[in-house]
N, C-alpha and C. Protein backbone atom coordinates (compact mmCIF):
# COMPACT_ATOMS: atom_id res chain seq x y z
N UNK A 1 153.60 147.22 98.37
CA UNK A 1 153.35 146.64 96.98
C UNK A 1 151.87 146.18 97.00
N UNK A 2 151.18 146.48 95.87
CA UNK A 2 149.81 146.11 95.76
C UNK A 2 149.48 144.67 95.83
N UNK A 3 148.31 144.31 96.29
CA UNK A 3 147.94 142.94 96.52
C UNK A 3 146.56 142.72 95.92
N UNK A 4 146.30 141.56 95.34
CA UNK A 4 145.09 141.13 94.63
C UNK A 4 144.49 139.87 95.12
N UNK A 5 143.21 139.96 95.47
CA UNK A 5 142.48 138.63 95.71
C UNK A 5 141.85 138.26 94.39
N UNK A 6 142.00 137.01 93.87
CA UNK A 6 141.43 136.57 92.70
C UNK A 6 140.50 135.38 92.92
N UNK A 7 139.41 135.38 92.07
CA UNK A 7 138.37 134.37 92.19
C UNK A 7 138.06 133.95 90.75
N UNK A 8 137.85 132.62 90.60
CA UNK A 8 137.22 132.06 89.38
C UNK A 8 136.05 131.14 89.84
N UNK A 9 134.89 131.48 89.25
CA UNK A 9 133.68 130.81 89.73
C UNK A 9 132.86 130.20 88.58
N UNK A 10 132.63 128.88 88.58
CA UNK A 10 131.67 128.34 87.64
C UNK A 10 130.27 128.57 88.11
N UNK A 11 129.48 129.07 87.13
CA UNK A 11 128.06 129.57 87.50
C UNK A 11 127.06 129.15 86.34
N UNK A 12 125.95 128.81 86.79
CA UNK A 12 124.83 128.47 85.79
C UNK A 12 124.48 129.87 85.18
N UNK A 13 124.38 129.87 83.81
CA UNK A 13 123.95 130.97 83.08
C UNK A 13 122.69 131.58 83.57
N UNK A 14 121.74 130.74 84.01
CA UNK A 14 120.34 131.17 84.45
C UNK A 14 120.56 131.96 85.75
N UNK A 15 121.64 131.77 86.57
CA UNK A 15 121.84 132.39 87.78
C UNK A 15 122.62 133.66 87.75
N UNK A 16 123.01 134.11 86.51
CA UNK A 16 123.77 135.36 86.31
C UNK A 16 123.06 136.56 86.83
N UNK A 17 121.80 136.78 86.59
CA UNK A 17 121.15 138.00 87.11
C UNK A 17 121.24 137.98 88.70
N UNK A 18 121.04 136.90 89.30
CA UNK A 18 121.21 136.94 90.79
C UNK A 18 122.60 137.16 91.20
N UNK A 19 123.61 136.57 90.47
CA UNK A 19 124.96 136.83 90.78
C UNK A 19 125.33 138.25 90.62
N UNK A 20 124.86 138.78 89.55
CA UNK A 20 125.11 140.31 89.36
C UNK A 20 124.63 141.12 90.49
N UNK A 21 123.54 140.84 91.03
CA UNK A 21 123.00 141.58 92.24
C UNK A 21 123.93 141.41 93.42
N UNK A 22 124.34 140.14 93.73
CA UNK A 22 125.29 139.97 94.75
C UNK A 22 126.63 140.60 94.59
N UNK A 23 127.10 140.59 93.31
CA UNK A 23 128.43 141.15 93.02
C UNK A 23 128.35 142.61 93.17
N UNK A 24 127.26 143.31 92.75
CA UNK A 24 127.13 144.78 92.94
C UNK A 24 127.20 145.13 94.43
N UNK A 25 126.48 144.34 95.24
CA UNK A 25 126.49 144.57 96.69
C UNK A 25 127.90 144.36 97.22
N UNK A 26 128.57 143.26 96.79
CA UNK A 26 129.91 143.04 97.24
C UNK A 26 130.86 144.14 96.87
N UNK A 27 130.68 144.63 95.67
CA UNK A 27 131.52 145.69 95.22
C UNK A 27 131.40 146.91 96.06
N UNK A 28 130.18 147.21 96.38
CA UNK A 28 130.01 148.43 97.29
C UNK A 28 130.59 148.26 98.66
N UNK A 29 130.42 147.03 99.22
CA UNK A 29 130.94 146.80 100.58
C UNK A 29 132.38 146.76 100.58
N UNK A 30 133.07 146.07 99.72
CA UNK A 30 134.44 146.13 99.73
C UNK A 30 135.12 147.46 99.56
N UNK A 31 134.53 148.19 98.57
CA UNK A 31 135.12 149.52 98.34
C UNK A 31 134.76 150.43 99.54
N UNK A 32 133.69 150.36 100.19
CA UNK A 32 133.31 151.07 101.36
C UNK A 32 134.36 150.87 102.50
N UNK A 33 134.81 149.63 102.51
CA UNK A 33 135.82 149.24 103.58
C UNK A 33 137.36 149.43 103.19
N UNK A 34 137.53 149.94 102.02
CA UNK A 34 138.78 150.35 101.59
C UNK A 34 139.44 149.75 100.36
N UNK A 35 138.82 148.79 99.74
CA UNK A 35 139.48 148.15 98.52
C UNK A 35 139.65 149.21 97.52
N UNK A 36 140.70 149.10 96.75
CA UNK A 36 141.01 150.04 95.73
C UNK A 36 140.29 149.89 94.43
N UNK A 37 140.06 148.62 94.14
CA UNK A 37 139.26 148.22 92.93
C UNK A 37 138.64 146.88 93.06
N UNK A 38 137.53 146.72 92.39
CA UNK A 38 136.80 145.50 92.53
C UNK A 38 136.07 145.26 91.12
N UNK A 39 136.42 144.09 90.45
CA UNK A 39 135.96 143.84 89.07
C UNK A 39 135.32 142.44 89.07
N UNK A 40 134.23 142.26 88.41
CA UNK A 40 133.59 141.00 88.26
C UNK A 40 133.39 140.85 86.71
N UNK A 41 133.88 139.82 86.07
CA UNK A 41 133.93 139.63 84.63
C UNK A 41 133.21 138.28 84.31
N UNK A 42 132.36 138.31 83.33
CA UNK A 42 131.72 137.12 82.77
C UNK A 42 132.49 136.54 81.56
N UNK A 43 132.74 135.23 81.51
CA UNK A 43 133.49 134.68 80.40
C UNK A 43 132.81 134.93 79.03
N UNK A 44 133.57 135.38 78.14
CA UNK A 44 133.08 135.65 76.88
C UNK A 44 133.88 134.87 75.78
N UNK A 45 135.13 134.74 75.93
CA UNK A 45 135.91 134.02 74.95
C UNK A 45 136.58 132.88 75.68
N UNK A 46 136.06 131.70 75.91
CA UNK A 46 136.50 130.66 76.67
C UNK A 46 137.06 129.41 75.93
N UNK A 47 137.17 129.55 74.59
CA UNK A 47 137.62 128.44 73.74
C UNK A 47 139.08 128.51 73.39
N UNK A 48 139.87 128.67 74.40
CA UNK A 48 141.37 128.76 74.16
C UNK A 48 141.89 127.52 73.57
N UNK A 49 142.75 127.63 72.51
CA UNK A 49 143.26 126.42 71.83
C UNK A 49 144.65 126.11 72.41
N UNK A 50 145.11 126.74 73.45
CA UNK A 50 146.39 126.46 74.00
C UNK A 50 146.15 126.70 75.58
N UNK A 51 147.09 126.11 76.33
CA UNK A 51 146.97 126.20 77.77
C UNK A 51 145.72 125.34 78.24
N UNK A 52 145.36 125.57 79.43
CA UNK A 52 144.22 124.88 80.07
C UNK A 52 143.01 125.86 80.10
N UNK A 53 142.00 125.68 79.26
CA UNK A 53 140.88 126.55 79.18
C UNK A 53 140.13 126.53 80.48
N UNK A 54 139.57 127.68 80.88
CA UNK A 54 138.78 127.72 82.18
C UNK A 54 137.68 126.55 82.19
N UNK A 55 136.92 126.43 81.10
CA UNK A 55 135.87 125.39 81.14
C UNK A 55 136.32 124.04 81.53
N UNK A 56 137.54 123.68 81.05
CA UNK A 56 138.09 122.33 81.30
C UNK A 56 138.60 122.31 82.73
N UNK A 57 139.32 123.41 83.15
CA UNK A 57 139.83 123.51 84.59
C UNK A 57 138.66 123.31 85.57
N UNK A 58 137.56 124.08 85.33
CA UNK A 58 136.43 124.09 86.26
C UNK A 58 135.40 122.93 86.01
N UNK A 59 135.66 122.11 84.99
CA UNK A 59 134.74 121.05 84.64
C UNK A 59 133.38 121.53 84.54
N UNK A 60 133.16 122.58 83.60
CA UNK A 60 131.90 123.16 83.51
C UNK A 60 130.85 122.17 83.00
N UNK A 61 129.70 122.30 83.47
CA UNK A 61 128.52 121.50 83.09
C UNK A 61 127.68 122.22 82.02
N UNK A 62 126.91 121.52 81.24
CA UNK A 62 126.06 122.32 80.26
C UNK A 62 125.30 123.42 80.94
N UNK A 63 125.24 124.49 80.29
CA UNK A 63 124.50 125.68 80.84
C UNK A 63 125.24 126.48 81.87
N UNK A 64 126.59 126.24 82.00
CA UNK A 64 127.44 127.03 82.92
C UNK A 64 128.33 127.87 82.14
N UNK A 65 128.82 128.97 82.84
CA UNK A 65 129.88 129.82 82.23
C UNK A 65 130.75 130.06 83.47
N UNK A 66 131.69 131.04 83.22
CA UNK A 66 132.84 131.31 84.19
C UNK A 66 132.75 132.80 84.57
N UNK A 67 132.88 133.04 85.91
CA UNK A 67 133.11 134.39 86.37
C UNK A 67 134.58 134.56 86.92
N UNK A 68 135.28 135.56 86.37
CA UNK A 68 136.62 135.83 86.83
C UNK A 68 136.49 137.16 87.58
N UNK A 69 136.93 137.21 88.84
CA UNK A 69 136.81 138.39 89.66
C UNK A 69 138.16 138.72 90.38
N UNK A 70 138.36 140.06 90.60
CA UNK A 70 139.44 140.30 91.46
C UNK A 70 139.18 141.63 92.25
N UNK A 71 139.86 141.70 93.35
CA UNK A 71 139.85 142.88 94.29
C UNK A 71 141.30 143.40 94.55
N UNK A 72 141.51 144.71 94.46
CA UNK A 72 142.89 145.24 94.58
C UNK A 72 142.96 145.93 95.82
N UNK A 73 144.13 145.71 96.52
CA UNK A 73 144.40 146.33 97.86
C UNK A 73 145.76 146.96 97.79
N UNK A 74 146.08 147.74 98.75
CA UNK A 74 147.41 148.52 98.86
C UNK A 74 148.45 147.53 99.14
N UNK A 75 148.20 146.51 99.90
CA UNK A 75 149.22 145.56 100.36
C UNK A 75 148.46 144.31 100.96
N UNK A 76 149.20 143.31 101.32
CA UNK A 76 148.62 142.10 102.03
C UNK A 76 148.03 142.57 103.35
N UNK A 77 148.75 143.38 104.07
CA UNK A 77 148.20 143.87 105.39
C UNK A 77 146.92 144.59 105.20
N UNK A 78 146.86 145.47 104.10
CA UNK A 78 145.64 146.19 103.77
C UNK A 78 144.45 145.25 103.48
N UNK A 79 144.79 144.23 102.62
CA UNK A 79 143.79 143.21 102.32
C UNK A 79 143.15 142.54 103.51
N UNK A 80 144.16 142.15 104.48
CA UNK A 80 143.70 141.45 105.70
C UNK A 80 142.76 142.34 106.48
N UNK A 81 143.09 143.63 106.63
CA UNK A 81 142.33 144.57 107.43
C UNK A 81 140.90 144.81 106.70
N UNK A 82 140.91 145.01 105.41
CA UNK A 82 139.72 145.20 104.70
C UNK A 82 138.78 144.01 104.77
N UNK A 83 139.37 142.77 104.48
CA UNK A 83 138.53 141.68 104.56
C UNK A 83 137.99 141.37 106.01
N UNK A 84 138.78 141.67 107.03
CA UNK A 84 138.25 141.50 108.32
C UNK A 84 136.99 142.32 108.56
N UNK A 85 137.00 143.64 108.09
CA UNK A 85 135.89 144.51 108.23
C UNK A 85 134.64 143.97 107.37
N UNK A 86 135.01 143.55 106.13
CA UNK A 86 133.91 143.06 105.22
C UNK A 86 133.20 141.81 105.90
N UNK A 87 134.01 140.93 106.48
CA UNK A 87 133.43 139.80 107.10
C UNK A 87 132.57 139.97 108.33
N UNK A 88 132.84 141.14 108.99
CA UNK A 88 131.99 141.54 110.07
C UNK A 88 130.75 142.38 109.70
N UNK A 89 130.75 142.80 108.47
CA UNK A 89 129.66 143.55 107.95
C UNK A 89 128.34 142.72 107.87
N UNK A 90 127.36 143.25 108.59
CA UNK A 90 126.08 142.54 108.68
C UNK A 90 125.41 142.16 107.22
N UNK A 91 125.70 143.07 106.24
CA UNK A 91 125.21 142.83 104.93
C UNK A 91 125.85 141.55 104.25
N UNK A 92 127.01 141.13 104.74
CA UNK A 92 127.47 139.88 104.25
C UNK A 92 127.03 138.63 104.79
N UNK A 93 126.04 138.65 105.67
CA UNK A 93 125.51 137.44 106.22
C UNK A 93 125.00 136.46 105.23
N UNK A 94 125.32 135.19 105.28
CA UNK A 94 124.79 134.26 104.30
C UNK A 94 123.26 134.21 104.31
N UNK A 95 122.66 134.51 105.44
CA UNK A 95 121.19 134.54 105.51
C UNK A 95 120.64 135.63 104.66
N UNK A 96 121.34 136.84 104.49
CA UNK A 96 120.92 137.91 103.78
C UNK A 96 121.31 137.89 102.36
N UNK A 97 122.46 137.27 102.05
CA UNK A 97 123.01 137.18 100.77
C UNK A 97 123.43 135.75 100.33
N UNK A 98 122.43 134.88 100.04
CA UNK A 98 122.91 133.53 99.67
C UNK A 98 123.63 133.58 98.25
N UNK A 99 124.65 132.75 98.19
CA UNK A 99 125.44 132.79 96.99
C UNK A 99 124.77 131.90 95.92
N UNK A 100 124.61 132.46 94.70
CA UNK A 100 123.93 131.78 93.66
C UNK A 100 124.85 130.86 92.78
N UNK A 101 125.78 130.24 93.46
CA UNK A 101 126.72 129.34 92.84
C UNK A 101 127.30 128.35 94.03
N UNK A 102 127.89 127.33 93.55
CA UNK A 102 128.37 126.33 94.48
C UNK A 102 129.81 126.76 94.99
N UNK A 103 129.88 127.24 96.21
CA UNK A 103 131.09 127.88 96.80
C UNK A 103 132.23 126.87 96.82
N UNK A 104 131.91 125.49 96.85
CA UNK A 104 132.88 124.50 96.91
C UNK A 104 133.70 124.36 95.52
N UNK A 105 133.06 124.91 94.46
CA UNK A 105 133.72 124.79 93.16
C UNK A 105 134.49 126.20 92.84
N UNK A 106 134.35 127.10 93.73
CA UNK A 106 135.09 128.43 93.47
C UNK A 106 136.66 128.24 93.62
N UNK A 107 137.40 128.91 92.86
CA UNK A 107 138.84 128.90 93.00
C UNK A 107 139.25 130.34 93.52
N UNK A 108 140.15 130.36 94.45
CA UNK A 108 140.49 131.54 95.12
C UNK A 108 142.04 131.58 95.52
N UNK A 109 142.52 132.76 95.53
CA UNK A 109 143.89 132.99 95.96
C UNK A 109 144.30 134.48 96.22
N UNK A 110 145.17 134.75 96.97
CA UNK A 110 145.74 136.08 97.13
C UNK A 110 147.12 136.17 96.42
N UNK A 111 147.27 137.30 95.73
CA UNK A 111 148.48 137.48 94.89
C UNK A 111 149.17 138.85 95.11
N UNK A 112 150.48 138.72 95.25
CA UNK A 112 151.28 139.97 95.34
C UNK A 112 151.55 140.40 93.89
N UNK A 113 151.32 141.71 93.65
CA UNK A 113 151.52 142.24 92.30
C UNK A 113 153.03 142.32 92.01
N UNK A 114 153.58 141.83 90.93
CA UNK A 114 154.94 141.90 90.61
C UNK A 114 155.24 142.76 89.36
N UNK A 115 154.32 142.92 88.45
CA UNK A 115 154.38 143.76 87.34
C UNK A 115 153.04 144.44 87.15
N UNK A 116 152.98 145.76 86.82
CA UNK A 116 151.71 146.39 86.50
C UNK A 116 151.36 147.40 87.54
N UNK A 117 150.17 147.96 87.34
CA UNK A 117 149.54 148.95 88.19
C UNK A 117 150.52 150.14 88.30
């Protein structure tokens, strides 16, 4: 059964060009190591009138927006194997690729697909 890692990241709008560069590199690395799909999405319609809107959940500050990202794998075991390779990849070194956002505010989780794909 397919498996998805999901991320929601608050980010300063001025840091989006730097984030896009990091995301493109991440996409290439994850796919090179076996990920089936990798998507990075910038918030565009964040003014939901129902539920808990992302800006409220993430306590966005003025000048910030939301990045919603996900990576698709064949299974949880496949995810674990791919991520282990990615973490050993020298291109993922924090010295070489500093994150243009506050990692402590990132929301992350692994999800088993139950409908779709």
